[in-house]
Amino acid sequence: MYLLYFLGMIVAVGISNLQYVDLNSSRNLFIIGFSFLVGLSVPEWIKANPGAINTGGSYSCFYKAVHFVCLIPELFAIFNC
């Protein structure tokens, strides 16, 4: 429940920050579009190819952290920006 609230707040703050962005600039539109594209497509690709990312050990903390971030689209989109 708290994770859903936390991610909802992050999305709300991110969207509210878009009011200060010049959406007439093609560079800004590209950055926003690319962030959405990568944030939605990479987690699906990770789910389809579970062994694609090899960080040296399947039980290491680094591997678990990278795998966790890549599987949740909201977290991946945050780190993508």
C-alpha atoms as a PDB file:
ATOM      1  CA  MET A   1       0.000   0.000   0.000  1.00  0.00           C
ATOM      2  CA  TYR A   2       2.786   2.404   0.906  1.00  0.00           C
ATOM      3  CA  LEU A   3       4.710   1.574  -2.273  1.00  0.00           C
ATOM      4  CA  LEU A   4       1.666   2.482  -4.351  1.00  0.00           C
ATOM      5  CA  TYR A   5       1.312   5.769  -2.465  1.00  0.00           C
ATOM      6  CA  PHE A   6       5.042   6.493  -2.843  1.00  0.00           C
ATOM      7  CA  LEU A   7       5.047   5.854  -6.599  1.00  0.00           C
ATOM      8  CA  GLY A   8       1.854   7.877  -7.019  1.00  0.00           C
ATOM      9  CA  MET A   9       3.464  10.851  -5.300  1.00  0.00           C
ATOM     10  CA  ILE A  10       6.552  10.594  -7.490  1.00  0.00           C
ATOM     11  CA  VAL A  11       4.428  10.514 -10.648  1.00  0.00           C
ATOM     12  CA  ALA A  12       2.324  13.458  -9.439  1.00  0.00           C
ATOM     13  CA  VAL A  13       5.395  15.571  -8.666  1.00  0.00           C
ATOM     14  CA  GLY A  14       6.934  14.664 -12.023  1.00  0.00           C
ATOM     15  CA  ILE A  15       3.808  15.654 -13.908  1.00  0.00           C
ATOM     16  CA  SER A  16       3.464  18.885 -11.941  1.00  0.00           C
ATOM     17  CA  ASN A  17       7.057  19.775 -12.848  1.00  0.00           C
ATOM     18  CA  LEU A  18       6.132  19.546 -16.537  1.00  0.00           C
ATOM     19  CA  GLN A  19       4.268  22.850 -16.215  1.00  0.00           C
ATOM     20  CA  TYR A  20       7.635  24.639 -16.197  1.00  0.00           C
ATOM     21  CA  VAL A  21       8.910  22.837 -19.310  1.00  0.00           C
ATOM     22  CA  ASP A  22       8.724  24.450 -22.729  1.00  0.00           C
ATOM     23  CA  LEU A  23       6.683  21.844 -24.604  1.00  0.00           C
ATOM     24  CA  ASN A  24       7.196  23.721 -27.876  1.00  0.00           C
ATOM     25  CA  SER A  25      10.840  22.617 -27.876  1.00  0.00           C
ATOM     26  CA  SER A  26      11.417  19.435 -29.861  1.00  0.00           C
ATOM     27  CA  ARG A  27      14.357  18.538 -27.621  1.00  0.00           C
ATOM     28  CA  ASN A  28      12.161  18.545 -24.518  1.00  0.00           C
ATOM     29  CA  LEU A  29       9.466  16.524 -26.279  1.00  0.00           C
ATOM     30  CA  PHE A  30      12.091  13.991 -27.371  1.00  0.00           C
ATOM     31  CA  ILE A  31      13.422  13.625 -23.818  1.00  0.00           C
ATOM     32  CA  ILE A  32       9.927  13.137 -22.369  1.00  0.00           C
ATOM     33  CA  GLY A  33       8.926  10.680 -25.104  1.00  0.00           C
ATOM     34  CA  PHE A  34      12.172   8.717 -24.865  1.00  0.00           C
ATOM     35  CA  SER A  35      11.803   8.456 -21.082  1.00  0.00           C
ATOM     36  CA  PHE A  36       8.286   7.065 -21.442  1.00  0.00           C
ATOM     37  CA  LEU A  37       9.340   4.672 -24.215  1.00  0.00           C
ATOM     38  CA  VAL A  38      12.326   3.264 -22.361  1.00  0.00           C
ATOM     39  CA  GLY A  39      10.488   3.231 -19.041  1.00  0.00           C
ATOM     40  CA  LEU A  40       7.708   1.106 -20.490  1.00  0.00           C
ATOM     41  CA  SER A  41       9.655  -1.126 -22.883  1.00  0.00           C
ATOM     42  CA  VAL A  42      12.761  -2.132 -20.891  1.00  0.00           C
ATOM     43  CA  PRO A  43      10.863  -3.774 -17.993  1.00  0.00           C
ATOM     44  CA  GLU A  44       8.853  -5.825 -20.501  1.00  0.00           C
ATOM     45  CA  TRP A  45      12.065  -6.830 -22.273  1.00  0.00           C
ATOM     46  CA  ILE A  46      13.620  -7.864 -18.938  1.00  0.00           C
ATOM     47  CA  LYS A  47      10.565 -10.010 -18.180  1.00  0.00           C
ATOM     48  CA  ALA A  48      10.834 -11.677 -21.603  1.00  0.00           C
ATOM     49  CA  ASN A  49      14.631 -12.203 -21.278  1.00  0.00           C
ATOM     50  CA  PRO A  50      15.315 -12.902 -17.585  1.00  0.00           C
ATOM     51  CA  GLY A  51      18.965 -13.917 -18.078  1.00  0.00           C
ATOM     52  CA  ALA A  52      19.927 -10.996 -20.318  1.00  0.00           C
ATOM     53  CA  ILE A  53      21.542  -8.900 -17.579  1.00  0.00           C
ATOM     54  CA  ASN A  54      24.502 -10.644 -15.982  1.00  0.00           C
ATOM     55  CA  THR A  55      26.230  -8.704 -13.233  1.00  0.00           C
ATOM     56  CA  GLY A  56      28.461 -11.530 -12.067  1.00  0.00           C
ATOM     57  CA  GLY A  57      26.250 -13.348  -9.597  1.00  0.00           C
ATOM     58  CA  SER A  58      22.583 -14.057  -9.264  1.00  0.00           C
ATOM     59  CA  TYR A  59      22.669 -13.736  -5.466  1.00  0.00           C
ATOM     60  CA  SER A  60      24.654 -10.539  -5.115  1.00  0.00           C
ATOM     61  CA  CYS A  61      22.991  -7.429  -3.745  1.00  0.00           C
ATOM     62  CA  PHE A  62      23.927  -5.445  -6.855  1.00  0.00           C
ATOM     63  CA  TYR A  63      22.238  -7.983  -9.155  1.00  0.00           C
ATOM     64  CA  LYS A  64      19.086  -7.997  -7.051  1.00  0.00           C
ATOM     65  CA  ALA A  65      18.966  -4.178  -6.995  1.00  0.00           C
ATOM     66  CA  VAL A  66      19.452  -3.853 -10.766  1.00  0.00           C
ATOM     67  CA  HIS A  67      16.902  -6.568 -11.451  1.00  0.00           C
ATOM     68  CA  PHE A  68      14.379  -4.952  -9.078  1.00  0.00           C
ATOM     69  CA  VAL A  69      14.762  -1.498 -10.637  1.00  0.00           C
ATOM     70  CA  CYS A  70      14.520  -2.861 -14.179  1.00  0.00           C
ATOM     71  CA  LEU A  71      11.356  -4.856 -13.495  1.00  0.00           C
ATOM     72  CA  ILE A  72       9.252  -1.965 -12.173  1.00  0.00           C
ATOM     73  CA  PRO A  73       8.466   0.534 -14.955  1.00  0.00           C
ATOM     74  CA  GLU A  74       7.974   3.463 -12.581  1.00  0.00           C
ATOM     75  CA  LEU A  75      11.346   3.003 -10.890  1.00  0.00           C
ATOM     76  CA  PHE A  76      13.134   2.441 -14.182  1.00  0.00           C
ATOM     77  CA  ALA A  77      11.593   5.592 -15.635  1.00  0.00           C
ATOM     78  CA  ILE A  78      12.749   7.584 -12.595  1.00  0.00           C
ATOM     79  CA  PHE A  79      16.332   6.356 -12.957  1.00  0.00           C
ATOM     80  CA  ASN A  80      16.123   6.848 -16.720  1.00  0.00           C
ATOM     81  CA  CYS A  81      15.448  10.566 -16.317  1.00  0.00           C
END
